[in-house]
PDB file of all heavy atoms in Angstrom:
ATOM      1  N   ALA A   1       0.776  -1.219   0.013  1.00  0.00           N
ATOM      2  CA  ALA A   1      -0.032   0.008  -0.010  1.00  0.00           C
ATOM      3  C   ALA A   1       0.827   1.303  -0.053  1.00  0.00           C
ATOM      4  O   ALA A   1       0.314   2.347  -0.046  1.00  0.00           O
ATOM      5  CB  ALA A   1      -1.041  -0.082   1.214  1.00  0.00           C
ATOM      6  N   TYR A   2       2.162   1.193   0.090  1.00  0.00           N
ATOM      7  CA  TYR A   2       3.159   2.257  -0.057  1.00  0.00           C
ATOM      8  C   TYR A   2       3.191   2.898  -1.312  1.00  0.00           C
ATOM      9  O   TYR A   2       2.917   2.236  -2.324  1.00  0.00           O
ATOM     10  CB  TYR A   2       4.506   1.870   0.286  1.00  0.00           C
ATOM     11  CG  TYR A   2       4.803   1.761   1.868  1.00  0.00           C
ATOM     12  CD1 TYR A   2       3.731   1.432   2.703  1.00  0.00           C
ATOM     13  CD2 TYR A   2       6.140   1.610   2.312  1.00  0.00           C
ATOM     14  CE1 TYR A   2       4.107   1.242   4.022  1.00  0.00           C
ATOM     15  CE2 TYR A   2       6.392   1.373   3.582  1.00  0.00           C
ATOM     16  CZ  TYR A   2       5.388   1.235   4.492  1.00  0.00           C
ATOM     17  OH  TYR A   2       5.807   1.021   5.809  1.00  0.00           O
ATOM     18  N   SER A   3       3.404   4.199  -1.353  1.00  0.00           N
ATOM     19  CA  SER A   3       3.686   4.844  -2.576  1.00  0.00           C
ATOM     20  C   SER A   3       5.047   4.555  -3.078  1.00  0.00           C
ATOM     21  O   SER A   3       5.847   3.860  -2.384  1.00  0.00           O
ATOM     22  CB  SER A   3       3.540   6.447  -2.468  1.00  0.00           C
ATOM     23  OG  SER A   3       4.655   6.849  -1.563  1.00  0.00           O
ATOM     24  N   GLY A   4       5.324   4.839  -4.326  1.00  0.00           N
ATOM     25  CA  GLY A   4       6.663   4.552  -4.843  1.00  0.00           C
ATOM     26  C   GLY A   4       7.794   5.182  -4.132  1.00  0.00           C
ATOM     27  O   GLY A   4       8.871   4.604  -3.813  1.00  0.00           O
ATOM     28  N   GLY A   5       7.600   6.567  -3.631  1.00  0.00           N
ATOM     29  CA  GLY A   5       8.632   7.108  -2.882  1.00  0.00           C
ATOM     30  C   GLY A   5       8.827   6.507  -1.491  1.00  0.00           C
ATOM     31  O   GLY A   5       9.920   6.375  -1.052  1.00  0.00           O
ATOM     32  N   MET A   6       7.728   5.995  -0.859  1.00  0.00           N
ATOM     33  CA  MET A   6       7.815   5.397   0.379  1.00  0.00           C
ATOM     34  C   MET A   6       8.617   4.082   0.158  1.00  0.00           C
ATOM     35  O   MET A   6       9.412   3.766   1.122  1.00  0.00           O
ATOM     36  CB  MET A   6       6.372   5.128   0.917  1.00  0.00           C
ATOM     37  CG  MET A   6       5.663   6.459   1.495  1.00  0.00           C
ATOM     38  SD  MET A   6       3.917   6.199   1.735  1.00  0.00           S
ATOM     39  CE  MET A   6       4.058   5.143   3.209  1.00  0.00           C
ATOM     40  N   ILE A   7       8.389   3.302  -0.774  1.00  0.00           N
ATOM     41  CA  ILE A   7       9.112   2.048  -1.001  1.00  0.00           C
ATOM     42  C   ILE A   7      10.573   2.427  -1.014  1.00  0.00           C
ATOM     43  O   ILE A   7      11.363   1.555  -0.499  1.00  0.00           O
ATOM     44  CB  ILE A   7       8.521   1.336  -2.278  1.00  0.00           C
ATOM     45  CG1 ILE A   7       7.074   0.890  -2.026  1.00  0.00           C
ATOM     46  CG2 ILE A   7       9.410   0.115  -2.633  1.00  0.00           C
ATOM     47  CD1 ILE A   7       6.447   0.276  -3.256  1.00  0.00           C
ATOM     48  N   ARG A   8      10.865   3.315  -1.865  1.00  0.00           N
ATOM     49  CA  ARG A   8      12.302   3.666  -2.116  1.00  0.00           C
ATOM     50  C   ARG A   8      13.017   4.000  -0.735  1.00  0.00           C
ATOM     51  O   ARG A   8      14.098   3.551  -0.402  1.00  0.00           O
ATOM     52  CB  ARG A   8      12.602   4.698  -3.155  1.00  0.00           C
ATOM     53  CG  ARG A   8      12.595   4.222  -4.430  1.00  0.00           C
ATOM     54  CD  ARG A   8      13.895   3.423  -4.838  1.00  0.00           C
ATOM     55  NE  ARG A   8      13.984   2.994  -6.180  1.00  0.00           N
ATOM     56  CZ  ARG A   8      13.800   1.857  -6.608  1.00  0.00           C
ATOM     57  NH1 ARG A   8      13.511   0.820  -5.763  1.00  0.00           N
ATOM     58  NH2 ARG A   8      13.989   1.532  -7.933  1.00  0.00           N
ATOM     59  N   ARG A   9      12.174   4.765   0.107  1.00  0.00           N
ATOM     60  CA  ARG A   9      12.765   5.247   1.304  1.00  0.00           C
ATOM     61  C   ARG A   9      12.854   4.038   2.302  1.00  0.00           C
ATOM     62  O   ARG A   9      13.814   3.878   3.028  1.00  0.00           O
ATOM     63  CB  ARG A   9      11.942   6.258   1.989  1.00  0.00           C
ATOM     64  CG  ARG A   9      12.124   7.631   1.279  1.00  0.00           C
ATOM     65  CD  ARG A   9      11.305   8.829   2.015  1.00  0.00           C
ATOM     66  NE  ARG A   9       9.938   8.759   1.510  1.00  0.00           N
ATOM     67  CZ  ARG A   9       8.846   9.081   2.318  1.00  0.00           C
ATOM     68  NH1 ARG A   9       8.923   9.289   3.596  1.00  0.00           N
ATOM     69  NH2 ARG A   9       7.593   9.080   1.842  1.00  0.00           N
ATOM     70  N   LEU A  10      12.024   3.213   2.345  1.00  0.00           N
ATOM     71  CA  LEU A  10      12.046   1.833   3.007  1.00  0.00           C
ATOM     72  C   LEU A  10      13.293   0.978   2.503  1.00  0.00           C
ATOM     73  O   LEU A  10      13.940   0.509   3.507  1.00  0.00           O
ATOM     74  CB  LEU A  10      10.810   1.042   2.921  1.00  0.00           C
ATOM     75  CG  LEU A  10      10.903  -0.398   3.462  1.00  0.00           C
ATOM     76  CD1 LEU A  10      11.020  -0.197   5.065  1.00  0.00           C
ATOM     77  CD2 LEU A  10       9.560  -1.083   3.166  1.00  0.00           C
ATOM     78  N   GLU A  11      13.576   1.026   1.314  1.00  0.00           N
ATOM     79  CA  GLU A  11      14.664   0.266   0.852  1.00  0.00           C
ATOM     80  C   GLU A  11      15.983   0.812   1.254  1.00  0.00           C
ATOM     81  O   GLU A  11      17.006   0.160   1.584  1.00  0.00           O
ATOM     82  CB  GLU A  11      14.710   0.097  -0.724  1.00  0.00           C
ATOM     83  CG  GLU A  11      13.423  -0.787  -1.174  1.00  0.00           C
ATOM     84  CD  GLU A  11      13.218  -0.866  -2.640  1.00  0.00           C
ATOM     85  OE1 GLU A  11      13.518   0.192  -3.333  1.00  0.00           O
ATOM     86  OE2 GLU A  11      12.936  -1.928  -3.253  1.00  0.00           O
ATOM     87  N   VAL A  12      16.037   2.169   1.326  1.00  0.00           N
ATOM     88  CA  VAL A  12      17.290   2.738   1.818  1.00  0.00           C
ATOM     89  C   VAL A  12      17.367   2.559   3.213  1.00  0.00           C
ATOM     90  O   VAL A  12      18.484   2.320   3.788  1.00  0.00           O
ATOM     91  CB  VAL A  12      17.266   4.394   1.521  1.00  0.00           C
ATOM     92  CG1 VAL A  12      18.468   5.045   2.142  1.00  0.00           C
ATOM     93  CG2 VAL A  12      17.234   4.573   0.068  1.00  0.00           C
ATOM     94  N   ALA A  13      16.295   2.647   4.044  1.00  0.00           N
ATOM     95  CA  ALA A  13      16.353   2.114   5.381  1.00  0.00           C
ATOM     96  C   ALA A  13      17.025   0.810   5.591  1.00  0.00           C
ATOM     97  O   ALA A  13      17.689   0.606   6.575  1.00  0.00           O
ATOM     98  CB  ALA A  13      14.974   2.303   6.108  1.00  0.00           C
ATOM     99  N   GLN A  14      16.416  -0.130   4.796  1.00  0.00           N
ATOM    100  CA  GLN A  14      16.923  -1.535   4.955  1.00  0.00           C
ATOM    101  C   GLN A  14      18.372  -1.515   4.666  1.00  0.00           C
ATOM    102  O   GLN A  14      19.152  -2.285   5.319  1.00  0.00           O
ATOM    103  CB  GLN A  14      16.192  -2.423   3.856  1.00  0.00           C
ATOM    104  CG  GLN A  14      14.717  -2.659   4.103  1.00  0.00           C
ATOM    105  CD  GLN A  14      14.116  -3.584   3.042  1.00  0.00           C
ATOM    106  OE1 GLN A  14      13.959  -3.074   1.983  1.00  0.00           O
ATOM    107  NE2 GLN A  14      13.929  -4.857   3.262  1.00  0.00           N
ATOM    108  N   ALA A  15      18.912  -0.891   3.619  1.00  0.00           N
ATOM    109  CA  ALA A  15      20.288  -0.893   3.243  1.00  0.00           C
ATOM    110  C   ALA A  15      21.164  -0.125   4.284  1.00  0.00           C
ATOM    111  O   ALA A  15      22.454  -0.388   4.169  1.00  0.00           O
ATOM    112  CB  ALA A  15      20.435  -0.254   1.843  1.00  0.00           C
ATOM    113  N   THR A  16      20.669   0.616   5.062  1.00  0.00           N
ATOM    114  CA  THR A  16      21.513   1.329   6.003  1.00  0.00           C
ATOM    115  C   THR A  16      21.383   1.006   7.446  1.00  0.00           C
ATOM    116  O   THR A  16      21.930   1.495   8.269  1.00  0.00           O
ATOM    117  CB  THR A  16      21.239   2.939   5.916  1.00  0.00           C
ATOM    118  OG1 THR A  16      19.972   3.236   6.095  1.00  0.00           O
ATOM    119  CG2 THR A  16      21.744   3.463   4.494  1.00  0.00           C
ATOM    120  N   LEU A  17      20.499  -0.021   7.767  1.00  0.00           N
ATOM    121  CA  LEU A  17      20.198  -0.421   9.045  1.00  0.00           C
ATOM    122  C   LEU A  17      21.464  -0.927   9.750  1.00  0.00           C
ATOM    123  O   LEU A  17      21.612  -0.699  10.988  1.00  0.00           O
ATOM    124  CB  LEU A  17      19.194  -1.705   9.071  1.00  0.00           C
ATOM    125  CG  LEU A  17      18.568  -2.155  10.189  1.00  0.00           C
ATOM    126  CD1 LEU A  17      17.731  -0.973  10.876  1.00  0.00           C
ATOM    127  CD2 LEU A  17      17.749  -3.307   9.899  1.00  0.00           C
ATOM    128  N   HIS A  18      22.524  -1.509   9.050  1.00  0.00           N
ATOM    129  CA  HIS A  18      23.738  -1.950   9.793  1.00  0.00           C
ATOM    130  C   HIS A  18      24.802  -0.922   9.756  1.00  0.00           C
ATOM    131  O   HIS A  18      25.913  -1.291  10.013  1.00  0.00           O
ATOM    132  CB  HIS A  18      24.128  -3.229   9.080  1.00  0.00           C
ATOM    133  CG  HIS A  18      24.431  -3.098   7.713  1.00  0.00           C
ATOM    134  ND1 HIS A  18      23.539  -2.635   6.711  1.00  0.00           N
ATOM    135  CD2 HIS A  18      25.537  -3.420   6.898  1.00  0.00           C
ATOM    136  CE1 HIS A  18      24.129  -2.545   5.464  1.00  0.00           C
ATOM    137  NE2 HIS A  18      25.262  -3.087   5.596  1.00  0.00           N
ATOM    138  N   LYS A  19      24.529   0.324   9.350  1.00  0.00           N
ATOM    139  CA  LYS A  19      25.468   1.418   9.360  1.00  0.00           C
ATOM    140  C   LYS A  19      26.710   1.059   8.376  1.00  0.00           C
ATOM    141  O   LYS A  19      27.899   1.035   8.871  1.00  0.00           O
ATOM    142  CB  LYS A  19      25.934   1.784  10.654  1.00  0.00           C
ATOM    143  CG  LYS A  19      24.753   2.257  11.538  1.00  0.00           C
ATOM    144  CD  LYS A  19      25.198   2.718  12.965  1.00  0.00           C
ATOM    145  CE  LYS A  19      24.097   3.245  13.850  1.00  0.00           C
ATOM    146  NZ  LYS A  19      24.584   3.617  15.143  1.00  0.00           N
ATOM    147  N   PRO A  20      26.497   0.917   7.132  1.00  0.00           N
ATOM    148  CA  PRO A  20      27.461   0.499   6.214  1.00  0.00           C
ATOM    149  C   PRO A  20      28.514   1.697   5.997  1.00  0.00           C
ATOM    150  O   PRO A  20      28.091   2.889   6.189  1.00  0.00           O
ATOM    151  CB  PRO A  20      26.676   0.124   4.855  1.00  0.00           C
ATOM    152  CG  PRO A  20      25.479   0.984   4.977  1.00  0.00           C
ATOM    153  CD  PRO A  20      25.104   1.126   6.460  1.00  0.00           C
ATOM    154  N   ARG A  21      29.555   1.420   5.431  1.00  0.00           N
ATOM    155  CA  ARG A  21      30.575   2.495   5.119  1.00  0.00           C
ATOM    156  C   ARG A  21      30.356   3.007   3.760  1.00  0.00           C
ATOM    157  O   ARG A  21      30.667   4.074   3.294  1.00  0.00           O
ATOM    158  CB  ARG A  21      32.064   1.879   5.143  1.00  0.00           C
ATOM    159  CG  ARG A  21      32.380   1.499   6.602  1.00  0.00           C
ATOM    160  CD  ARG A  21      33.859   1.150   6.652  1.00  0.00           C
ATOM    161  NE  ARG A  21      34.755   2.278   6.214  1.00  0.00           N
ATOM    162  CZ  ARG A  21      36.173   2.144   6.170  1.00  0.00           C
ATOM    163  NH1 ARG A  21      36.625   1.066   6.413  1.00  0.00           N
ATOM    164  NH2 ARG A  21      36.703   3.157   5.958  1.00  0.00           N
ATOM    165  N   VAL A  22      29.804   2.110   2.817  1.00  0.00           N
ATOM    166  CA  VAL A  22      29.406   2.514   1.448  1.00  0.00           C
ATOM    167  C   VAL A  22      27.903   2.130   1.294  1.00  0.00           C
ATOM    168  O   VAL A  22      27.659   1.050   1.460  1.00  0.00           O
ATOM    169  CB  VAL A  22      30.398   1.873   0.419  1.00  0.00           C
ATOM    170  CG1 VAL A  22      29.904   2.513  -0.985  1.00  0.00           C
ATOM    171  CG2 VAL A  22      31.855   2.222   0.787  1.00  0.00           C
ATOM    172  N   LEU A  23      27.199   3.122   0.659  1.00  0.00           N
ATOM    173  CA  LEU A  23      25.799   2.828   0.280  1.00  0.00           C
ATOM    174  C   LEU A  23      25.779   2.947  -1.359  1.00  0.00           C
ATOM    175  O   LEU A  23      26.066   3.939  -1.942  1.00  0.00           O
ATOM    176  CB  LEU A  23      24.878   3.855   0.801  1.00  0.00           C
ATOM    177  CG  LEU A  23      23.378   3.686   0.293  1.00  0.00           C
ATOM    178  CD1 LEU A  23      22.719   2.420   0.750  1.00  0.00           C
ATOM    179  CD2 LEU A  23      22.596   4.914   0.834  1.00  0.00           C
ATOM    180  N   PHE A  24      25.361   1.781  -2.069  1.00  0.00           N
ATOM    181  CA  PHE A  24      25.172   1.671  -3.445  1.00  0.00           C
ATOM    182  C   PHE A  24      23.748   1.844  -3.772  1.00  0.00           C
ATOM    183  O   PHE A  24      22.841   1.172  -3.228  1.00  0.00           O
ATOM    184  CB  PHE A  24      25.652   0.365  -3.977  1.00  0.00           C
ATOM    185  CG  PHE A  24      27.168   0.181  -3.905  1.00  0.00           C
ATOM    186  CD1 PHE A  24      27.854  -0.362  -2.814  1.00  0.00           C
ATOM    187  CD2 PHE A  24      27.999   0.638  -4.862  1.00  0.00           C
ATOM    188  CE1 PHE A  24      29.143  -0.746  -2.754  1.00  0.00           C
ATOM    189  CE2 PHE A  24      29.373   0.486  -4.790  1.00  0.00           C
ATOM    190  CZ  PHE A  24      29.858  -0.236  -3.721  1.00  0.00           C
ATOM    191  N   LEU A  25      23.429   2.830  -4.663  1.00  0.00           N
ATOM    192  CA  LEU A  25      22.205   3.078  -5.074  1.00  0.00           C
ATOM    193  C   LEU A  25      22.156   2.898  -6.704  1.00  0.00           C
ATOM    194  O   LEU A  25      22.660   3.733  -7.390  1.00  0.00           O
ATOM    195  CB  LEU A  25      21.705   4.524  -4.662  1.00  0.00           C
ATOM    196  CG  LEU A  25      21.865   4.860  -3.255  1.00  0.00           C
ATOM    197  CD1 LEU A  25      21.590   6.515  -3.137  1.00  0.00           C
ATOM    198  CD2 LEU A  25      20.753   4.061  -2.445  1.00  0.00           C
ATOM    199  N   ASP A  26      21.322   1.915  -7.128  1.00  0.00           N
ATOM    200  CA  ASP A  26      21.348   1.726  -8.586  1.00  0.00           C
ATOM    201  C   ASP A  26      19.961   2.384  -9.121  1.00  0.00           C
ATOM    202  O   ASP A  26      18.925   1.881  -8.871  1.00  0.00           O
ATOM    203  CB  ASP A  26      21.291   0.242  -8.852  1.00  0.00           C
ATOM    204  CG  ASP A  26      21.543  -0.051 -10.370  1.00  0.00           C
ATOM    205  OD1 ASP A  26      21.725   0.862 -11.207  1.00  0.00           O
ATOM    206  OD2 ASP A  26      21.431  -1.308 -10.671  1.00  0.00           O
ATOM    207  N   GLU A  27      20.117   3.454  -9.782  1.00  0.00           N
ATOM    208  CA  GLU A  27      18.948   4.247 -10.258  1.00  0.00           C
ATOM    209  C   GLU A  27      17.814   4.322  -9.156  1.00  0.00           C
ATOM    210  O   GLU A  27      16.767   3.865  -9.231  1.00  0.00           O
ATOM    211  CB  GLU A  27      18.268   3.536 -11.575  1.00  0.00           C
ATOM    212  CG  GLU A  27      19.191   3.221 -12.661  1.00  0.00           C
ATOM    213  CD  GLU A  27      19.409   4.428 -13.515  1.00  0.00           C
ATOM    214  OE1 GLU A  27      18.777   5.635 -13.156  1.00  0.00           O
ATOM    215  OE2 GLU A  27      19.996   4.471 -14.507  1.00  0.00           O
ATOM    216  N   PRO A  28      18.254   5.018  -8.142  1.00  0.00           N
ATOM    217  CA  PRO A  28      17.332   5.189  -6.979  1.00  0.00           C
ATOM    218  C   PRO A  28      16.037   5.810  -7.218  1.00  0.00           C
ATOM    219  O   PRO A  28      14.963   5.582  -6.448  1.00  0.00           O
ATOM    220  CB  PRO A  28      18.231   5.932  -5.918  1.00  0.00           C
ATOM    221  CG  PRO A  28      19.160   6.789  -6.724  1.00  0.00           C
ATOM    222  CD  PRO A  28      19.386   5.784  -7.925  1.00  0.00           C
ATOM    223  N   THR A  29      15.897   6.685  -8.214  1.00  0.00           N
ATOM    224  CA  THR A  29      14.563   7.359  -8.284  1.00  0.00           C
ATOM    225  C   THR A  29      13.874   6.928  -9.624  1.00  0.00           C
ATOM    226  O   THR A  29      12.925   7.650 -10.079  1.00  0.00           O
ATOM    227  CB  THR A  29      14.678   8.858  -8.298  1.00  0.00           C
ATOM    228  OG1 THR A  29      15.616   9.390  -9.325  1.00  0.00           O
ATOM    229  CG2 THR A  29      15.307   9.275  -7.029  1.00  0.00           C
ATOM    230  N   VAL A  30      14.357   5.832 -10.334  1.00  0.00           N
ATOM    231  CA  VAL A  30      13.642   5.420 -11.532  1.00  0.00           C
ATOM    232  C   VAL A  30      12.093   5.182 -11.180  1.00  0.00           C
ATOM    233  O   VAL A  30      11.876   4.449 -10.297  1.00  0.00           O
ATOM    234  CB  VAL A  30      14.306   4.261 -12.159  1.00  0.00           C
ATOM    235  CG1 VAL A  30      14.329   3.096 -11.371  1.00  0.00           C
ATOM    236  CG2 VAL A  30      13.850   4.072 -13.591  1.00  0.00           C
ATOM    237  N   GLY A  31      11.305   5.635 -12.074  1.00  0.00           N
ATOM    238  CA  GLY A  31       9.755   5.331 -11.910  1.00  0.00           C
ATOM    239  C   GLY A  31       9.055   6.154 -10.962  1.00  0.00           C
ATOM    240  O   GLY A  31       7.872   6.021 -10.707  1.00  0.00           O
ATOM    241  N   LEU A  32       9.787   7.146 -10.265  1.00  0.00           N
ATOM    242  CA  LEU A  32       9.099   7.965  -9.362  1.00  0.00           C
ATOM    243  C   LEU A  32       8.726   9.302  -9.950  1.00  0.00           C
ATOM    244  O   LEU A  32       9.270   9.737 -10.875  1.00  0.00           O
ATOM    245  CB  LEU A  32      10.112   8.333  -8.148  1.00  0.00           C
ATOM    246  CG  LEU A  32      10.620   7.019  -7.245  1.00  0.00           C
ATOM    247  CD1 LEU A  32      11.499   7.616  -6.127  1.00  0.00           C
ATOM    248  CD2 LEU A  32       9.559   6.222  -6.819  1.00  0.00           C
ATOM    249  N   ASP A  33       7.682   9.869  -9.369  1.00  0.00           N
ATOM    250  CA  ASP A  33       7.127  11.207  -9.774  1.00  0.00           C
ATOM    251  C   ASP A  33       8.125  12.224  -9.293  1.00  0.00           C
ATOM    252  O   ASP A  33       8.901  11.888  -8.367  1.00  0.00           O
ATOM    253  CB  ASP A  33       5.743  11.420  -9.425  1.00  0.00           C
ATOM    254  CG  ASP A  33       5.468  11.423  -7.969  1.00  0.00           C
ATOM    255  OD1 ASP A  33       6.213  12.228  -7.327  1.00  0.00           O
ATOM    256  OD2 ASP A  33       4.578  10.567  -7.447  1.00  0.00           O
ATOM    257  N   PRO A  34       8.084  13.571  -9.795  1.00  0.00           N
ATOM    258  CA  PRO A  34       9.037  14.544  -9.400  1.00  0.00           C
ATOM    259  C   PRO A  34       9.032  14.800  -7.858  1.00  0.00           C
ATOM    260  O   PRO A  34      10.125  14.989  -7.258  1.00  0.00           O
ATOM    261  CB  PRO A  34       8.512  15.686 -10.166  1.00  0.00           C
ATOM    262  CG  PRO A  34       7.867  15.085 -11.427  1.00  0.00           C
ATOM    263  CD  PRO A  34       7.243  13.837 -11.019  1.00  0.00           C
ATOM    264  N   GLN A  35       7.839  14.789  -7.279  1.00  0.00           N
ATOM    265  CA  GLN A  35       7.740  14.987  -5.919  1.00  0.00           C
ATOM    266  C   GLN A  35       8.474  13.864  -5.038  1.00  0.00           C
ATOM    267  O   GLN A  35       9.256  14.180  -4.182  1.00  0.00           O
ATOM    268  CB  GLN A  35       6.372  15.218  -5.364  1.00  0.00           C
ATOM    269  CG  GLN A  35       6.264  15.516  -3.856  1.00  0.00           C
ATOM    270  CD  GLN A  35       4.847  15.687  -3.472  1.00  0.00           C
ATOM    271  OE1 GLN A  35       3.814  15.734  -4.353  1.00  0.00           O
ATOM    272  NE2 GLN A  35       4.508  15.945  -2.279  1.00  0.00           N
ATOM    273  N   ALA A  36       8.135  12.664  -5.428  1.00  0.00           N
ATOM    274  CA  ALA A  36       8.764  11.556  -4.715  1.00  0.00           C
ATOM    275  C   ALA A  36      10.378  11.569  -4.996  1.00  0.00           C
ATOM    276  O   ALA A  36      11.052  11.221  -4.068  1.00  0.00           O
ATOM    277  CB  ALA A  36       8.235  10.235  -5.141  1.00  0.00           C
ATOM    278  N   ARG A  37      10.745  11.900  -6.207  1.00  0.00           N
ATOM    279  CA  ARG A  37      12.121  11.924  -6.604  1.00  0.00           C
ATOM    280  C   ARG A  37      12.874  12.952  -5.706  1.00  0.00           C
ATOM    281  O   ARG A  37      13.960  12.637  -5.077  1.00  0.00           O
ATOM    282  CB  ARG A  37      12.331  12.288  -7.992  1.00  0.00           C
ATOM    283  CG  ARG A  37      13.756  12.307  -8.378  1.00  0.00           C
ATOM    284  CD  ARG A  37      13.804  12.469  -9.935  1.00  0.00           C
ATOM    285  NE  ARG A  37      13.182  11.468 -10.714  1.00  0.00           N
ATOM    286  CZ  ARG A  37      12.520  11.555 -11.853  1.00  0.00           C
ATOM    287  NH1 ARG A  37      12.459  12.862 -12.504  1.00  0.00           N
ATOM    288  NH2 ARG A  37      11.833  10.632 -12.393  1.00  0.00           N
ATOM    289  N   ARG A  38      12.287  13.968  -5.500  1.00  0.00           N
ATOM    290  CA  ARG A  38      12.886  15.096  -4.645  1.00  0.00           C
ATOM    291  C   ARG A  38      13.036  14.681  -3.152  1.00  0.00           C
ATOM    292  O   ARG A  38      13.984  14.934  -2.380  1.00  0.00           O
ATOM    293  CB  ARG A  38      12.082  16.389  -4.703  1.00  0.00           C
ATOM    294  CG  ARG A  38      12.440  17.112  -6.082  1.00  0.00           C
ATOM    295  CD  ARG A  38      11.891  18.562  -6.046  1.00  0.00           C
ATOM    296  NE  ARG A  38      12.359  19.063  -7.400  1.00  0.00           N
ATOM    297  CZ  ARG A  38      13.593  19.652  -7.657  1.00  0.00           C
ATOM    298  NH1 ARG A  38      14.455  19.651  -6.755  1.00  0.00           N
ATOM    299  NH2 ARG A  38      13.883  20.181  -8.825  1.00  0.00           N
ATOM    300  N   SER A  39      12.031  13.915  -2.738  1.00  0.00           N
ATOM    301  CA  SER A  39      12.030  13.530  -1.226  1.00  0.00           C
ATOM    302  C   SER A  39      13.138  12.419  -1.044  1.00  0.00           C
ATOM    303  O   SER A  39      13.730  12.303   0.041  1.00  0.00           O
ATOM    304  CB  SER A  39      10.655  12.813  -0.914  1.00  0.00           C
ATOM    305  OG  SER A  39      10.519  11.570  -1.525  1.00  0.00           O
ATOM    306  N   VAL A  40      13.395  11.627  -2.167  1.00  0.00           N
ATOM    307  CA  VAL A  40      14.516  10.709  -1.980  1.00  0.00           C
ATOM    308  C   VAL A  40      15.914  11.400  -1.999  1.00  0.00           C
ATOM    309  O   VAL A  40      16.732  11.030  -1.233  1.00  0.00           O
ATOM    310  CB  VAL A  40      14.446   9.617  -3.130  1.00  0.00           C
ATOM    311  CG1 VAL A  40      15.668   8.647  -3.163  1.00  0.00           C
ATOM    312  CG2 VAL A  40      13.158   8.746  -2.993  1.00  0.00           C
ATOM    313  N   TRP A  41      15.916  12.534  -2.992  1.00  0.00           N
ATOM    314  CA  TRP A  41      17.156  13.312  -2.901  1.00  0.00           C
ATOM    315  C   TRP A  41      17.469  13.838  -1.577  1.00  0.00           C
ATOM    316  O   TRP A  41      18.567  13.942  -1.203  1.00  0.00           O
ATOM    317  CB  TRP A  41      17.034  14.369  -3.993  1.00  0.00           C
ATOM    318  CG  TRP A  41      16.887  13.999  -5.330  1.00  0.00           C
ATOM    319  CD1 TRP A  41      17.247  12.757  -5.819  1.00  0.00           C
ATOM    320  CD2 TRP A  41      16.534  14.809  -6.497  1.00  0.00           C
ATOM    321  NE1 TRP A  41      17.144  12.733  -7.194  1.00  0.00           N
ATOM    322  CE2 TRP A  41      16.644  13.952  -7.603  1.00  0.00           C
ATOM    323  CE3 TRP A  41      16.159  15.986  -6.679  1.00  0.00           C
ATOM    324  CZ2 TRP A  41      16.490  14.428  -8.881  1.00  0.00           C
ATOM    325  CZ3 TRP A  41      15.968  16.576  -7.980  1.00  0.00           C
ATOM    326  CH2 TRP A  41      16.092  15.724  -9.073  1.00  0.00           C
ATOM    327  N   GLU A  42      16.395  14.412  -0.945  1.00  0.00           N
ATOM    328  CA  GLU A  42      16.705  15.052   0.356  1.00  0.00           C
ATOM    329  C   GLU A  42      17.163  13.991   1.486  1.00  0.00           C
ATOM    330  O   GLU A  42      17.910  14.266   2.259  1.00  0.00           O
ATOM    331  CB  GLU A  42      15.365  15.674   0.856  1.00  0.00           C
ATOM    332  CG  GLU A  42      14.945  16.975   0.038  1.00  0.00           C
ATOM    333  CD  GLU A  42      13.522  17.287   0.433  1.00  0.00           C
ATOM    334  OE1 GLU A  42      12.805  16.894   1.252  1.00  0.00           O
ATOM    335  OE2 GLU A  42      13.060  18.426  -0.267  1.00  0.00           O
ATOM    336  N   MET A  43      16.524  12.857   1.269  1.00  0.00           N
ATOM    337  CA  MET A  43      16.902  11.805   2.195  1.00  0.00           C
ATOM    338  C   MET A  43      18.370  11.429   2.038  1.00  0.00           C
ATOM    339  O   MET A  43      19.184  11.085   2.967  1.00  0.00           O
ATOM    340  CB  MET A  43      15.969  10.530   2.098  1.00  0.00           C
ATOM    341  CG  MET A  43      16.338   9.303   3.014  1.00  0.00           C
ATOM    342  SD  MET A  43      15.439   8.021   2.446  1.00  0.00           S
ATOM    343  CE  MET A  43      15.885   7.683   0.897  1.00  0.00           C
ATOM    344  N   ILE A  44      18.821  11.181   0.824  1.00  0.00           N
ATOM    345  CA  ILE A  44      20.235  10.874   0.511  1.00  0.00           C
ATOM    346  C   ILE A  44      21.181  11.932   1.086  1.00  0.00           C
ATOM    347  O   ILE A  44      22.174  11.704   1.742  1.00  0.00           O
ATOM    348  CB  ILE A  44      20.509  10.759  -0.983  1.00  0.00           C
ATOM    349  CG1 ILE A  44      19.722   9.525  -1.438  1.00  0.00           C
ATOM    350  CG2 ILE A  44      21.907  10.634  -1.285  1.00  0.00           C
ATOM    351  CD1 ILE A  44      19.660   9.397  -2.844  1.00  0.00           C
ATOM    352  N   GLU A  45      20.762  13.216   0.894  1.00  0.00           N
ATOM    353  CA  GLU A  45      21.656  14.342   1.343  1.00  0.00           C
ATOM    354  C   GLU A  45      21.665  14.367   2.981  1.00  0.00           C
ATOM    355  O   GLU A  45      22.763  14.578   3.520  1.00  0.00           O
ATOM    356  CB  GLU A  45      21.074  15.732   0.881  1.00  0.00           C
ATOM    357  CG  GLU A  45      21.381  15.921  -0.535  1.00  0.00           C
ATOM    358  CD  GLU A  45      20.909  17.333  -1.043  1.00  0.00           C
ATOM    359  OE1 GLU A  45      19.773  17.736  -0.519  1.00  0.00           O
ATOM    360  OE2 GLU A  45      21.484  17.916  -1.854  1.00  0.00           O
TER     361      GLU A  45
END
C-alpha cells in the first residue's frame, strides 16, 4: 500500500540499518514522480 517514494525510502532504510561504510544506489529514483524523486534526494543528502 506504500507509494513509490515510500518504498524507495524503506529500501534505503533496509540498506543502512547496519550502518554501512558505502551505500550503493542503482537508479534510486527510476519510476518515481517528481515530488517523490525530490524526497529521495533530500533523504540521501
